[in-house]
C-alpha cells in the first residue's frame, strides 16, 4: 500500500487542520494551484460553494471546485478556462460515483471560473 503514498513528518509549514498533503499534477486549477504544487487537505472541513476539493472519480484523484445546482447536480469545475472540458457534472442519482476526500486549504477562496 505504501506504493501510493509516503508518510512524512509534520513540519511547521503545514497548515493547522491539514489531514494530508497531495501534489497536484495537472493545470486544471490554475491560477489558484500550479502543477507540481503540494496542497494541504482537511477531511474535517465542509466544502462550500466554489471551494477546491480533492475527489475520487472513475478511479482517479482530481482537484476541482465544488458546486451544486438547484436540481442537485454536482459540478466539479476546472478553474482553468482552458480545461473547461475536464469539468465533471454528475446528476443527483450518480453522485455516489464520486467521493470527496476533503477540502483544499487555500489562503484565499477561489472565484468561480469564467468560461468563454
PDB file of N, CA and C in Angstrom:
ATOM      1  N   UNK A   1       0.818  -1.198   0.000  1.00  0.00           N
ATOM      2  CA  UNK A   1       0.000   0.000   0.000  1.00  0.00           C
ATOM      3  C   UNK A   1       0.859   1.259   0.000  1.00  0.00           C
ATOM      4  N   UNK A   2       2.063   1.197   0.516  1.00  0.00           N
ATOM      5  CA  UNK A   2       2.902   2.391   0.554  1.00  0.00           C
ATOM      6  C   UNK A   2       3.424   2.783  -0.822  1.00  0.00           C
ATOM      7  N   UNK A   3       3.088   2.023  -1.858  1.00  0.00           N
ATOM      8  CA  UNK A   3       3.437   2.438  -3.212  1.00  0.00           C
ATOM      9  C   UNK A   3       2.657   3.682  -3.624  1.00  0.00           C
ATOM     10  N   UNK A   4       1.541   3.945  -2.945  1.00  0.00           N
ATOM     11  CA  UNK A   4       0.662   5.038  -3.327  1.00  0.00           C
ATOM     12  C   UNK A   4       0.847   6.293  -2.495  1.00  0.00           C
ATOM     13  N   UNK A   5       1.522   6.174  -1.393  1.00  0.00           N
ATOM     14  CA  UNK A   5       1.725   7.340  -0.551  1.00  0.00           C
ATOM     15  C   UNK A   5       3.028   7.202   0.217  1.00  0.00           C
ATOM     16  N   UNK A   6       3.451   8.320   0.768  1.00  0.00           N
ATOM     17  CA  UNK A   6       4.678   8.350   1.562  1.00  0.00           C
ATOM     18  C   UNK A   6       4.379   9.062   2.875  1.00  0.00           C
ATOM     19  N   UNK A   7       4.658   8.417   3.979  1.00  0.00           N
ATOM     20  CA  UNK A   7       4.489   9.064   5.279  1.00  0.00           C
ATOM     21  C   UNK A   7       5.651  10.030   5.497  1.00  0.00           C
ATOM     22  N   UNK A   8       5.308  11.236   5.924  1.00  0.00           N
ATOM     23  CA  UNK A   8       6.316  12.259   6.130  1.00  0.00           C
ATOM     24  C   UNK A   8       6.101  12.884   7.500  1.00  0.00           C
ATOM     25  N   UNK A   9       7.168  13.360   8.123  1.00  0.00           N
ATOM     26  CA  UNK A   9       6.995  14.037   9.412  1.00  0.00           C
ATOM     27  C   UNK A   9       6.260  15.361   9.228  1.00  0.00           C
ATOM     28  N   UNK A  10       5.477  15.735  10.226  1.00  0.00           N
ATOM     29  CA  UNK A  10       4.749  17.005  10.184  1.00  0.00           C
ATOM     30  C   UNK A  10       5.753  18.127  10.417  1.00  0.00           C
ATOM     31  N   UNK A  11       5.754  19.118   9.535  1.00  0.00           N
ATOM     32  CA  UNK A  11       6.656  20.261   9.653  1.00  0.00           C
ATOM     33  C   UNK A  11       5.847  21.527   9.916  1.00  0.00           C
ATOM     34  N   UNK A  12       6.533  22.589  10.262  1.00  0.00           N
ATOM     35  CA  UNK A  12       5.875  23.849  10.603  1.00  0.00           C
ATOM     36  C   UNK A  12       5.157  24.527   9.458  1.00  0.00           C
ATOM     37  N   UNK A  13       5.456  24.167   8.218  1.00  0.00           N
ATOM     38  CA  UNK A  13       4.812  24.833   7.085  1.00  0.00           C
ATOM     39  C   UNK A  13       3.467  24.202   6.706  1.00  0.00           C
ATOM     40  N   UNK A  14       3.068  23.145   7.405  1.00  0.00           N
ATOM     41  CA  UNK A  14       1.783  22.505   7.128  1.00  0.00           C
ATOM     42  C   UNK A  14       0.709  23.217   7.945  1.00  0.00           C
ATOM     43  N   UNK A  15      -0.359  23.698   7.272  1.00  0.00           N
ATOM     44  CA  UNK A  15      -1.395  24.448   7.996  1.00  0.00           C
ATOM     45  C   UNK A  15      -2.076  23.605   9.078  1.00  0.00           C
ATOM     46  N   UNK A  16      -2.472  24.237  10.177  1.00  0.00           N
ATOM     47  CA  UNK A  16      -3.239  23.517  11.190  1.00  0.00           C
ATOM     48  C   UNK A  16      -4.522  22.988  10.554  1.00  0.00           C
ATOM     49  N   UNK A  17      -4.955  21.829  10.952  1.00  0.00           N
ATOM     50  CA  UNK A  17      -6.183  21.253  10.407  1.00  0.00           C
ATOM     51  C   UNK A  17      -5.969  20.395   9.181  1.00  0.00           C
ATOM     52  N   UNK A  18      -4.742  20.372   8.657  1.00  0.00           N
ATOM     53  CA  UNK A  18      -4.465  19.543   7.471  1.00  0.00           C
ATOM     54  C   UNK A  18      -4.375  18.079   7.889  1.00  0.00           C
ATOM     55  N   UNK A  19      -5.064  17.229   7.141  1.00  0.00           N
ATOM     56  CA  UNK A  19      -5.018  15.793   7.401  1.00  0.00           C
ATOM     57  C   UNK A  19      -4.015  15.085   6.500  1.00  0.00           C
ATOM     58  N   UNK A  20      -3.814  15.617   5.301  1.00  0.00           N
ATOM     59  CA  UNK A  20      -2.811  15.060   4.400  1.00  0.00           C
ATOM     60  C   UNK A  20      -2.426  16.094   3.355  1.00  0.00           C
ATOM     61  N   UNK A  21      -1.333  15.830   2.667  1.00  0.00           N
ATOM     62  CA  UNK A  21      -0.857  16.676   1.564  1.00  0.00           C
ATOM     63  C   UNK A  21      -0.940  15.873   0.287  1.00  0.00           C
ATOM     64  N   UNK A  22      -1.160  16.570  -0.804  1.00  0.00           N
ATOM     65  CA  UNK A  22      -1.198  15.920  -2.114  1.00  0.00           C
ATOM     66  C   UNK A  22      -0.529  16.849  -3.122  1.00  0.00           C
ATOM     67  N   UNK A  23       0.175  16.266  -4.062  1.00  0.00           N
ATOM     68  CA  UNK A  23       0.819  17.047  -5.118  1.00  0.00           C
ATOM     69  C   UNK A  23      -0.099  17.098  -6.317  1.00  0.00           C
ATOM     70  N   UNK A  24      -0.385  18.294  -6.781  1.00  0.00           N
ATOM     71  CA  UNK A  24      -1.258  18.498  -7.947  1.00  0.00           C
ATOM     72  C   UNK A  24      -0.418  18.290  -9.200  1.00  0.00           C
ATOM     73  N   UNK A  25      -0.902  17.452 -10.112  1.00  0.00           N
ATOM     74  CA  UNK A  25      -0.103  17.092 -11.282  1.00  0.00           C
ATOM     75  C   UNK A  25      -0.572  17.745 -12.578  1.00  0.00           C
ATOM     76  N   UNK A  26      -1.749  18.355 -12.587  1.00  0.00           N
ATOM     77  CA  UNK A  26      -2.225  18.962 -13.837  1.00  0.00           C
ATOM     78  C   UNK A  26      -2.469  20.454 -13.634  1.00  0.00           C
ATOM     79  N   UNK A  27      -2.928  21.113 -14.699  1.00  0.00           N
ATOM     80  CA  UNK A  27      -3.135  22.565 -14.617  1.00  0.00           C
ATOM     81  C   UNK A  27      -4.618  22.941 -14.550  1.00  0.00           C
ATOM     82  N   UNK A  28      -5.470  22.015 -14.127  1.00  0.00           N
ATOM     83  CA  UNK A  28      -6.911  22.270 -14.076  1.00  0.00           C
ATOM     84  C   UNK A  28      -7.301  23.348 -13.063  1.00  0.00           C
ATOM     85  N   UNK A  29      -6.461  23.583 -12.068  1.00  0.00           N
ATOM     86  CA  UNK A  29      -6.813  24.563 -11.033  1.00  0.00           C
ATOM     87  C   UNK A  29      -6.028  25.868 -11.138  1.00  0.00           C
ATOM     88  N   UNK A  30      -5.335  26.076 -12.265  1.00  0.00           N
ATOM     89  CA  UNK A  30      -4.689  27.371 -12.491  1.00  0.00           C
ATOM     90  C   UNK A  30      -5.763  28.447 -12.539  1.00  0.00           C
ATOM     91  N   UNK A  31      -5.567  29.599 -12.028  1.00  0.00           N
ATOM     92  CA  UNK A  31      -4.343  30.175 -11.473  1.00  0.00           C
ATOM     93  C   UNK A  31      -4.190  29.945  -9.966  1.00  0.00           C
ATOM     94  N   UNK A  32      -5.109  29.232  -9.334  1.00  0.00           N
ATOM     95  CA  UNK A  32      -5.094  29.071  -7.880  1.00  0.00           C
ATOM     96  C   UNK A  32      -4.054  28.064  -7.392  1.00  0.00           C
ATOM     97  N   UNK A  33      -3.879  26.977  -8.166  1.00  0.00           N
ATOM     98  CA  UNK A  33      -2.930  25.925  -7.795  1.00  0.00           C
ATOM     99  C   UNK A  33      -2.134  25.561  -9.046  1.00  0.00           C
ATOM    100  N   UNK A  34      -0.817  25.576  -8.920  1.00  0.00           N
ATOM    101  CA  UNK A  34       0.061  25.280 -10.060  1.00  0.00           C
ATOM    102  C   UNK A  34       0.396  23.787 -10.113  1.00  0.00           C
ATOM    103  N   UNK A  35       0.657  23.259 -11.314  1.00  0.00           N
ATOM    104  CA  UNK A  35       1.125  21.869 -11.399  1.00  0.00           C
ATOM    105  C   UNK A  35       2.406  21.696 -10.588  1.00  0.00           C
ATOM    106  N   UNK A  36       2.489  20.592  -9.851  1.00  0.00           N
ATOM    107  CA  UNK A  36       3.649  20.332  -9.010  1.00  0.00           C
ATOM    108  C   UNK A  36       3.532  20.897  -7.609  1.00  0.00           C
ATOM    109  N   UNK A  37       2.532  21.748  -7.385  1.00  0.00           N
ATOM    110  CA  UNK A  37       2.349  22.339  -6.059  1.00  0.00           C
ATOM    111  C   UNK A  37       1.755  21.305  -5.105  1.00  0.00           C
ATOM    112  N   UNK A  38       2.260  21.310  -3.887  1.00  0.00           N
ATOM    113  CA  UNK A  38       1.739  20.431  -2.836  1.00  0.00           C
ATOM    114  C   UNK A  38       0.696  21.212  -2.050  1.00  0.00           C
ATOM    115  N   UNK A  39      -0.513  20.641  -1.920  1.00  0.00           N
ATOM    116  CA  UNK A  39      -1.577  21.324  -1.190  1.00  0.00           C
ATOM    117  C   UNK A  39      -1.967  20.516   0.041  1.00  0.00           C
ATOM    118  N   UNK A  40      -2.400  21.236   1.071  1.00  0.00           N
ATOM    119  CA  UNK A  40      -2.890  20.614   2.297  1.00  0.00           C
ATOM    120  C   UNK A  40      -4.387  20.388   2.166  1.00  0.00           C
ATOM    121  N   UNK A  41      -4.857  19.246   2.685  1.00  0.00           N
ATOM    122  CA  UNK A  41      -6.265  18.874   2.571  1.00  0.00           C
ATOM    123  C   UNK A  41      -6.799  18.530   3.956  1.00  0.00           C
ATOM    124  N   UNK A  42      -7.994  19.044   4.242  1.00  0.00           N
ATOM    125  CA  UNK A  42      -8.674  18.735   5.500  1.00  0.00           C
ATOM    126  C   UNK A  42      -9.875  17.845   5.213  1.00  0.00           C
ATOM    127  N   UNK A  43      -9.955  16.722   5.922  1.00  0.00           N
ATOM    128  CA  UNK A  43     -11.109  15.819   5.808  1.00  0.00           C
ATOM    129  C   UNK A  43     -12.256  16.274   6.696  1.00  0.00           C
ATOM    130  N   UNK A  44     -11.993  17.216   7.580  1.00  0.00           N
ATOM    131  CA  UNK A  44     -12.989  17.624   8.573  1.00  0.00           C
ATOM    132  C   UNK A  44     -13.755  18.880   8.200  1.00  0.00           C
ATOM    133  N   UNK A  45     -13.217  19.673   7.289  1.00  0.00           N
ATOM    134  CA  UNK A  45     -13.894  20.915   6.911  1.00  0.00           C
ATOM    135  C   UNK A  45     -14.926  20.646   5.830  1.00  0.00           C
ATOM    136  N   UNK A  46     -16.045  21.332   5.918  1.00  0.00           N
ATOM    137  CA  UNK A  46     -17.126  21.181   4.947  1.00  0.00           C
ATOM    138  C   UNK A  46     -16.846  22.050   3.726  1.00  0.00           C
ATOM    139  N   UNK A  47     -17.051  21.466   2.549  1.00  0.00           N
ATOM    140  CA  UNK A  47     -16.896  22.246   1.326  1.00  0.00           C
ATOM    141  C   UNK A  47     -18.083  23.183   1.153  1.00  0.00           C
ATOM    142  N   UNK A  48     -17.798  24.415   0.787  1.00  0.00           N
ATOM    143  CA  UNK A  48     -18.822  25.401   0.447  1.00  0.00           C
ATOM    144  C   UNK A  48     -18.711  25.705  -1.041  1.00  0.00           C
ATOM    145  N   UNK A  49     -19.699  26.350  -1.554  1.00  0.00           N
ATOM    146  CA  UNK A  49     -19.749  26.709  -2.975  1.00  0.00           C
ATOM    147  C   UNK A  49     -18.419  27.296  -3.451  1.00  0.00           C
ATOM    148  N   UNK A  50     -17.863  26.725  -4.478  1.00  0.00           N
ATOM    149  CA  UNK A  50     -16.624  27.129  -5.164  1.00  0.00           C
ATOM    150  C   UNK A  50     -15.345  26.805  -4.402  1.00  0.00           C
ATOM    151  N   UNK A  51     -15.430  26.115  -3.265  1.00  0.00           N
ATOM    152  CA  UNK A  51     -14.212  25.650  -2.596  1.00  0.00           C
ATOM    153  C   UNK A  51     -13.527  24.601  -3.462  1.00  0.00           C
ATOM    154  N   UNK A  52     -12.228  24.520  -3.344  1.00  0.00           N
ATOM    155  CA  UNK A  52     -11.464  23.470  -4.025  1.00  0.00           C
ATOM    156  C   UNK A  52     -11.450  22.233  -3.145  1.00  0.00           C
ATOM    157  N   UNK A  53     -11.611  21.082  -3.766  1.00  0.00           N
ATOM    158  CA  UNK A  53     -11.590  19.825  -3.034  1.00  0.00           C
ATOM    159  C   UNK A  53     -10.836  18.760  -3.803  1.00  0.00           C
ATOM    160  N   UNK A  54     -10.531  17.675  -3.106  1.00  0.00           N
ATOM    161  CA  UNK A  54      -9.917  16.506  -3.727  1.00  0.00           C
ATOM    162  C   UNK A  54     -10.993  15.427  -3.790  1.00  0.00           C
ATOM    163  N   UNK A  55     -11.202  14.890  -4.981  1.00  0.00           N
ATOM    164  CA  UNK A  55     -12.265  13.926  -5.229  1.00  0.00           C
ATOM    165  C   UNK A  55     -11.702  12.684  -5.907  1.00  0.00           C
ATOM    166  N   UNK A  56     -12.354  11.548  -5.665  1.00  0.00           N
ATOM    167  CA  UNK A  56     -12.073  10.329  -6.412  1.00  0.00           C
ATOM    168  C   UNK A  56     -13.232  10.144  -7.370  1.00  0.00           C
ATOM    169  N   UNK A  57     -12.925  10.134  -8.664  1.00  0.00           N
ATOM    170  CA  UNK A  57     -13.945   9.960  -9.695  1.00  0.00           C
ATOM    171  C   UNK A  57     -13.392   9.032 -10.774  1.00  0.00           C
ATOM    172  N   UNK A  58     -14.114   7.966 -11.025  1.00  0.00           N
ATOM    173  CA  UNK A  58     -13.705   6.962 -12.014  1.00  0.00           C
ATOM    174  C   UNK A  58     -12.284   6.456 -11.761  1.00  0.00           C
ATOM    175  N   UNK A  59     -11.977   6.238 -10.493  1.00  0.00           N
ATOM    176  CA  UNK A  59     -10.694   5.648 -10.126  1.00  0.00           C
ATOM    177  C   UNK A  59      -9.504   6.574 -10.134  1.00  0.00           C
ATOM    178  N   UNK A  60      -9.726   7.866 -10.313  1.00  0.00           N
ATOM    179  CA  UNK A  60      -8.591   8.789 -10.293  1.00  0.00           C
ATOM    180  C   UNK A  60      -8.871   9.950  -9.356  1.00  0.00           C
ATOM    181  N   UNK A  61      -7.803  10.522  -8.840  1.00  0.00           N
ATOM    182  CA  UNK A  61      -7.918  11.696  -7.977  1.00  0.00           C
ATOM    183  C   UNK A  61      -7.977  12.945  -8.827  1.00  0.00           C
ATOM    184  N   UNK A  62      -8.914  13.828  -8.500  1.00  0.00           N
ATOM    185  CA  UNK A  62      -8.999  15.109  -9.200  1.00  0.00           C
ATOM    186  C   UNK A  62      -9.147  16.223  -8.174  1.00  0.00           C
ATOM    187  N   UNK A  63      -8.602  17.365  -8.504  1.00  0.00           N
ATOM    188  CA  UNK A  63      -8.767  18.573  -7.708  1.00  0.00           C
ATOM    189  C   UNK A  63      -9.644  19.506  -8.521  1.00  0.00           C
ATOM    190  N   UNK A  64     -10.796  19.875  -7.965  1.00  0.00           N
ATOM    191  CA  UNK A  64     -11.750  20.711  -8.684  1.00  0.00           C
ATOM    192  C   UNK A  64     -12.474  21.626  -7.702  1.00  0.00           C
ATOM    193  N   UNK A  65     -13.155  22.620  -8.256  1.00  0.00           N
ATOM    194  CA  UNK A  65     -14.011  23.496  -7.459  1.00  0.00           C
ATOM    195  C   UNK A  65     -15.394  22.867  -7.395  1.00  0.00           C
ATOM    196  N   UNK A  66     -15.955  22.818  -6.199  1.00  0.00           N
ATOM    197  CA  UNK A  66     -17.219  22.150  -5.947  1.00  0.00           C
ATOM    198  C   UNK A  66     -18.374  23.137  -6.009  1.00  0.00           C
ATOM    199  N   UNK A  67     -19.450  22.733  -6.681  1.00  0.00           N
ATOM    200  CA  UNK A  67     -20.709  23.468  -6.580  1.00  0.00           C
ATOM    201  C   UNK A  67     -21.854  22.516  -6.908  1.00  0.00           C
ATOM    202  N   UNK A  68     -23.028  22.903  -6.509  1.00  0.00           N
ATOM    203  CA  UNK A  68     -24.223  22.096  -6.726  1.00  0.00           C
ATOM    204  C   UNK A  68     -25.316  23.028  -7.228  1.00  0.00           C
ATOM    205  N   UNK A  69     -26.060  22.575  -8.243  1.00  0.00           N
ATOM    206  CA  UNK A  69     -27.144  23.428  -8.735  1.00  0.00           C
ATOM    207  C   UNK A  69     -28.463  23.061  -8.063  1.00  0.00           C
ATOM    208  N   UNK A  70     -29.505  23.788  -8.395  1.00  0.00           N
ATOM    209  CA  UNK A  70     -30.804  23.633  -7.737  1.00  0.00           C
ATOM    210  C   UNK A  70     -31.415  22.244  -7.951  1.00  0.00           C
ATOM    211  N   UNK A  71     -31.034  21.558  -9.018  1.00  0.00           N
ATOM    212  CA  UNK A  71     -31.573  20.216  -9.288  1.00  0.00           C
ATOM    213  C   UNK A  71     -30.801  19.123  -8.545  1.00  0.00           C
ATOM    214  N   UNK A  72     -29.740  19.505  -7.845  1.00  0.00           N
ATOM    215  CA  UNK A  72     -28.945  18.531  -7.114  1.00  0.00           C
ATOM    216  C   UNK A  72     -27.778  17.977  -7.906  1.00  0.00           C
ATOM    217  N   UNK A  73     -27.560  18.509  -9.110  1.00  0.00           N
ATOM    218  CA  UNK A  73     -26.415  18.080  -9.914  1.00  0.00           C
ATOM    219  C   UNK A  73     -25.137  18.616  -9.284  1.00  0.00           C
ATOM    220  N   UNK A  74     -24.182  17.718  -9.122  1.00  0.00           N
ATOM    221  CA  UNK A  74     -22.879  18.079  -8.575  1.00  0.00           C
ATOM    222  C   UNK A  74     -21.970  18.488  -9.720  1.00  0.00           C
ATOM    223  N   UNK A  75     -21.331  19.640  -9.589  1.00  0.00           N
ATOM    224  CA  UNK A  75     -20.394  20.132 -10.606  1.00  0.00           C
ATOM    225  C   UNK A  75     -19.015  20.234  -9.972  1.00  0.00           C
ATOM    226  N   UNK A  76     -18.048  19.588 -10.582  1.00  0.00           N
ATOM    227  CA  UNK A  76     -16.653  19.693 -10.183  1.00  0.00           C
ATOM    228  C   UNK A  76     -15.959  20.457 -11.298  1.00  0.00           C
ATOM    229  N   UNK A  77     -15.687  21.718 -11.052  1.00  0.00           N
ATOM    230  CA  UNK A  77     -15.255  22.641 -12.103  1.00  0.00           C
ATOM    231  C   UNK A  77     -13.756  22.843 -12.125  1.00  0.00           C
ATOM    232  N   UNK A  78     -13.221  22.914 -13.327  1.00  0.00           N
ATOM    233  CA  UNK A  78     -11.828  23.305 -13.522  1.00  0.00           C
ATOM    234  C   UNK A  78     -11.757  24.821 -13.425  1.00  0.00           C
ATOM    235  N   UNK A  79     -10.849  25.328 -12.637  1.00  0.00           N
ATOM    236  CA  UNK A  79     -10.673  26.773 -12.530  1.00  0.00           C
ATOM    237  C   UNK A  79     -10.056  27.338 -13.805  1.00  0.00           C
ATOM    238  N   UNK A  80      -9.254  26.529 -14.472  1.00  0.00           N
ATOM    239  CA  UNK A  80      -8.558  26.941 -15.685  1.00  0.00           C
ATOM    240  C   UNK A  80      -9.529  26.895 -16.868  1.00  0.00           C
ATOM    241  N   UNK A  81      -9.864  28.049 -17.462  1.00  0.00           N
ATOM    242  CA  UNK A  81     -10.809  28.054 -18.586  1.00  0.00           C
ATOM    243  C   UNK A  81     -10.339  27.214 -19.772  1.00  0.00           C
ATOM    244  N   UNK A  82      -9.028  26.993 -19.894  1.00  0.00           N
ATOM    245  CA  UNK A  82      -8.505  26.165 -20.989  1.00  0.00           C
ATOM    246  C   UNK A  82      -8.808  24.688 -20.755  1.00  0.00           C
ATOM    247  N   UNK A  83      -9.255  24.321 -19.568  1.00  0.00           N
ATOM    248  CA  UNK A  83      -9.561  22.928 -19.217  1.00  0.00           C
ATOM    249  C   UNK A  83     -11.047  22.724 -18.916  1.00  0.00           C
ATOM    250  N   UNK A  84     -11.878  23.623 -19.402  1.00  0.00           N
ATOM    251  CA  UNK A  84     -13.324  23.538 -19.143  1.00  0.00           C
ATOM    252  C   UNK A  84     -13.887  22.153 -19.471  1.00  0.00           C
ATOM    253  N   UNK A  85     -13.397  21.535 -20.547  1.00  0.00           N
ATOM    254  CA  UNK A  85     -13.913  20.227 -20.969  1.00  0.00           C
ATOM    255  C   UNK A  85     -13.614  19.123 -19.947  1.00  0.00           C
ATOM    256  N   UNK A  86     -12.709  19.371 -19.018  1.00  0.00           N
ATOM    257  CA  UNK A  86     -12.391  18.384 -17.983  1.00  0.00           C
ATOM    258  C   UNK A  86     -13.198  18.595 -16.700  1.00  0.00           C
ATOM    259  N   UNK A  87     -14.124  19.564 -16.727  1.00  0.00           N
ATOM    260  CA  UNK A  87     -15.054  19.717 -15.613  1.00  0.00           C
ATOM    261  C   UNK A  87     -15.988  18.515 -15.615  1.00  0.00           C
ATOM    262  N   UNK A  88     -16.517  18.185 -14.455  1.00  0.00           N
ATOM    263  CA  UNK A  88     -17.345  16.994 -14.292  1.00  0.00           C
ATOM    264  C   UNK A  88     -18.705  17.416 -13.756  1.00  0.00           C
ATOM    265  N   UNK A  89     -19.784  16.904 -14.360  1.00  0.00           N
ATOM    266  CA  UNK A  89     -21.139  17.147 -13.861  1.00  0.00           C
ATOM    267  C   UNK A  89     -21.799  15.804 -13.613  1.00  0.00           C
ATOM    268  N   UNK A  90     -22.322  15.645 -12.393  1.00  0.00           N
ATOM    269  CA  UNK A  90     -22.964  14.388 -12.003  1.00  0.00           C
ATOM    270  C   UNK A  90     -24.381  14.658 -11.530  1.00  0.00           C
ATOM    271  N   UNK A  91     -25.380  14.138 -12.260  1.00  0.00           N
ATOM    272  CA  UNK A  91     -26.759  14.278 -11.775  1.00  0.00           C
ATOM    273  C   UNK A  91     -26.894  13.650 -10.393  1.00  0.00           C
ATOM    274  N   UNK A  92     -27.905  14.068  -9.648  1.00  0.00           N
ATOM    275  CA  UNK A  92     -28.099  13.618  -8.265  1.00  0.00           C
ATOM    276  C   UNK A  92     -28.049  12.103  -8.147  1.00  0.00           C
ATOM    277  N   UNK A  93     -28.614  11.379  -9.091  1.00  0.00           N
ATOM    278  CA  UNK A  93     -28.668   9.913  -8.989  1.00  0.00           C
ATOM    279  C   UNK A  93     -27.309   9.258  -9.245  1.00  0.00           C
ATOM    280  N   UNK A  94     -26.321  10.019  -9.709  1.00  0.00           N
ATOM    281  CA  UNK A  94     -24.990   9.462  -9.986  1.00  0.00           C
ATOM    282  C   UNK A  94     -23.921   9.979  -9.022  1.00  0.00           C
ATOM    283  N   UNK A  95     -24.317  10.731  -8.018  1.00  0.00           N
ATOM    284  CA  UNK A  95     -23.347  11.338  -7.108  1.00  0.00           C
ATOM    285  C   UNK A  95     -22.521  10.314  -6.349  1.00  0.00           C
ATOM    286  N   UNK A  96     -23.069   9.116  -6.152  1.00  0.00           N
ATOM    287  CA  UNK A  96     -22.317   8.096  -5.424  1.00  0.00           C
ATOM    288  C   UNK A  96     -21.093   7.636  -6.212  1.00  0.00           C
ATOM    289  N   UNK A  97     -20.999   8.010  -7.481  1.00  0.00           N
ATOM    290  CA  UNK A  97     -19.822   7.681  -8.294  1.00  0.00           C
ATOM    291  C   UNK A  97     -18.621   8.557  -7.953  1.00  0.00           C
ATOM    292  N   UNK A  98     -18.822   9.521  -7.066  1.00  0.00           N
ATOM    293  CA  UNK A  98     -17.774  10.472  -6.710  1.00  0.00           C
ATOM    294  C   UNK A  98     -17.616  10.506  -5.191  1.00  0.00           C
ATOM    295  N   UNK A  99     -16.381  10.457  -4.728  1.00  0.00           N
ATOM    296  CA  UNK A  99     -16.097  10.516  -3.295  1.00  0.00           C
ATOM    297  C   UNK A  99     -15.251  11.757  -3.026  1.00  0.00           C
ATOM    298  N   UNK A 100     -15.673  12.542  -2.067  1.00  0.00           N
ATOM    299  CA  UNK A 100     -14.905  13.720  -1.656  1.00  0.00           C
ATOM    300  C   UNK A 100     -13.952  13.306  -0.542  1.00  0.00           C
ATOM    301  N   UNK A 101     -12.652  13.516  -0.758  1.00  0.00           N
ATOM    302  CA  UNK A 101     -11.655  13.199   0.260  1.00  0.00           C
ATOM    303  C   UNK A 101     -11.412  14.362   1.213  1.00  0.00           C
ATOM    304  N   UNK A 102     -11.697  15.574   0.748  1.00  0.00           N
ATOM    305  CA  UNK A 102     -11.507  16.712   1.638  1.00  0.00           C
ATOM    306  C   UNK A 102     -11.387  18.035   0.915  1.00  0.00           C
ATOM    307  N   UNK A 103     -11.338  19.070   1.716  1.00  0.00           N
ATOM    308  CA  UNK A 103     -11.225  20.445   1.232  1.00  0.00           C
ATOM    309  C   UNK A 103      -9.758  20.846   1.150  1.00  0.00           C
ATOM    310  N   UNK A 104      -9.377  21.461   0.031  1.00  0.00           N
ATOM    311  CA  UNK A 104      -8.027  22.000  -0.123  1.00  0.00           C
ATOM    312  C   UNK A 104      -7.951  23.292   0.681  1.00  0.00           C
ATOM    313  N   UNK A 105      -6.949  23.379   1.533  1.00  0.00           N
ATOM    314  CA  UNK A 105      -6.781  24.552   2.387  1.00  0.00           C
ATOM    315  C   UNK A 105      -5.967  25.601   1.634  1.00  0.00           C
ATOM    316  N   UNK A 106      -6.657  26.594   1.119  1.00  0.00           N
ATOM    317  CA  UNK A 106      -6.020  27.683   0.380  1.00  0.00           C
ATOM    318  C   UNK A 106      -6.083  28.957   1.214  1.00  0.00           C
ATOM    319  N   UNK A 107      -5.159  29.861   0.982  1.00  0.00           N
ATOM    320  CA  UNK A 107      -5.144  31.121   1.735  1.00  0.00           C
ATOM    321  C   UNK A 107      -6.304  32.026   1.334  1.00  0.00           C
ATOM    322  N   UNK A 108      -6.814  31.843   0.115  1.00  0.00           N
ATOM    323  CA  UNK A 108      -7.911  32.665  -0.393  1.00  0.00           C
ATOM    324  C   UNK A 108      -8.885  31.766  -1.147  1.00  0.00           C
ATOM    325  N   UNK A 109     -10.171  31.975  -0.926  1.00  0.00           N
ATOM    326  CA  UNK A 109     -11.180  31.174  -1.606  1.00  0.00           C
ATOM    327  C   UNK A 109     -11.155  31.487  -3.113  1.00  0.00           C
ATOM    328  N   UNK A 110     -11.119  30.446  -3.964  1.00  0.00           N
ATOM    329  CA  UNK A 110     -11.114  30.692  -5.414  1.00  0.00           C
ATOM    330  C   UNK A 110     -12.434  31.279  -5.891  1.00  0.00           C
ATOM    331  N   UNK A 111     -12.347  32.147  -6.874  1.00  0.00           N
ATOM    332  CA  UNK A 111     -13.556  32.687  -7.500  1.00  0.00           C
ATOM    333  C   UNK A 111     -14.098  31.652  -8.471  1.00  0.00           C
ATOM    334  N   UNK A 112     -15.357  31.784  -8.819  1.00  0.00           N
ATOM    335  CA  UNK A 112     -15.966  30.899  -9.805  1.00  0.00           C
ATOM    336  C   UNK A 112     -15.245  31.044 -11.140  1.00  0.00           C
ATOM    337  N   UNK A 113     -15.004  29.927 -11.826  1.00  0.00           N
ATOM    338  CA  UNK A 113     -14.326  30.033 -13.123  1.00  0.00           C
ATOM    339  C   UNK A 113     -15.209  30.733 -14.152  1.00  0.00           C
ATOM    340  N   UNK A 114     -14.552  31.424 -15.077  1.00  0.00           N
ATOM    341  CA  UNK A 114     -15.265  32.097 -16.168  1.00  0.00           C
ATOM    342  C   UNK A 114     -14.830  31.424 -17.464  1.00  0.00           C
ATOM    343  N   UNK A 115     -15.791  30.791 -18.142  1.00  0.00           N
ATOM    344  CA  UNK A 115     -15.512  30.116 -19.399  1.00  0.00           C
ATOM    345  C   UNK A 115     -16.009  30.978 -20.552  1.00  0.00           C
ATOM    346  N   UNK A 116     -15.358  30.822 -21.705  1.00  0.00           N
ATOM    347  CA  UNK A 116     -15.761  31.603 -22.909  1.00  0.00           C
ATOM    348  C   UNK A 116     -17.108  31.167 -23.416  1.00  0.00           C
TER     349      UNK A 116
END
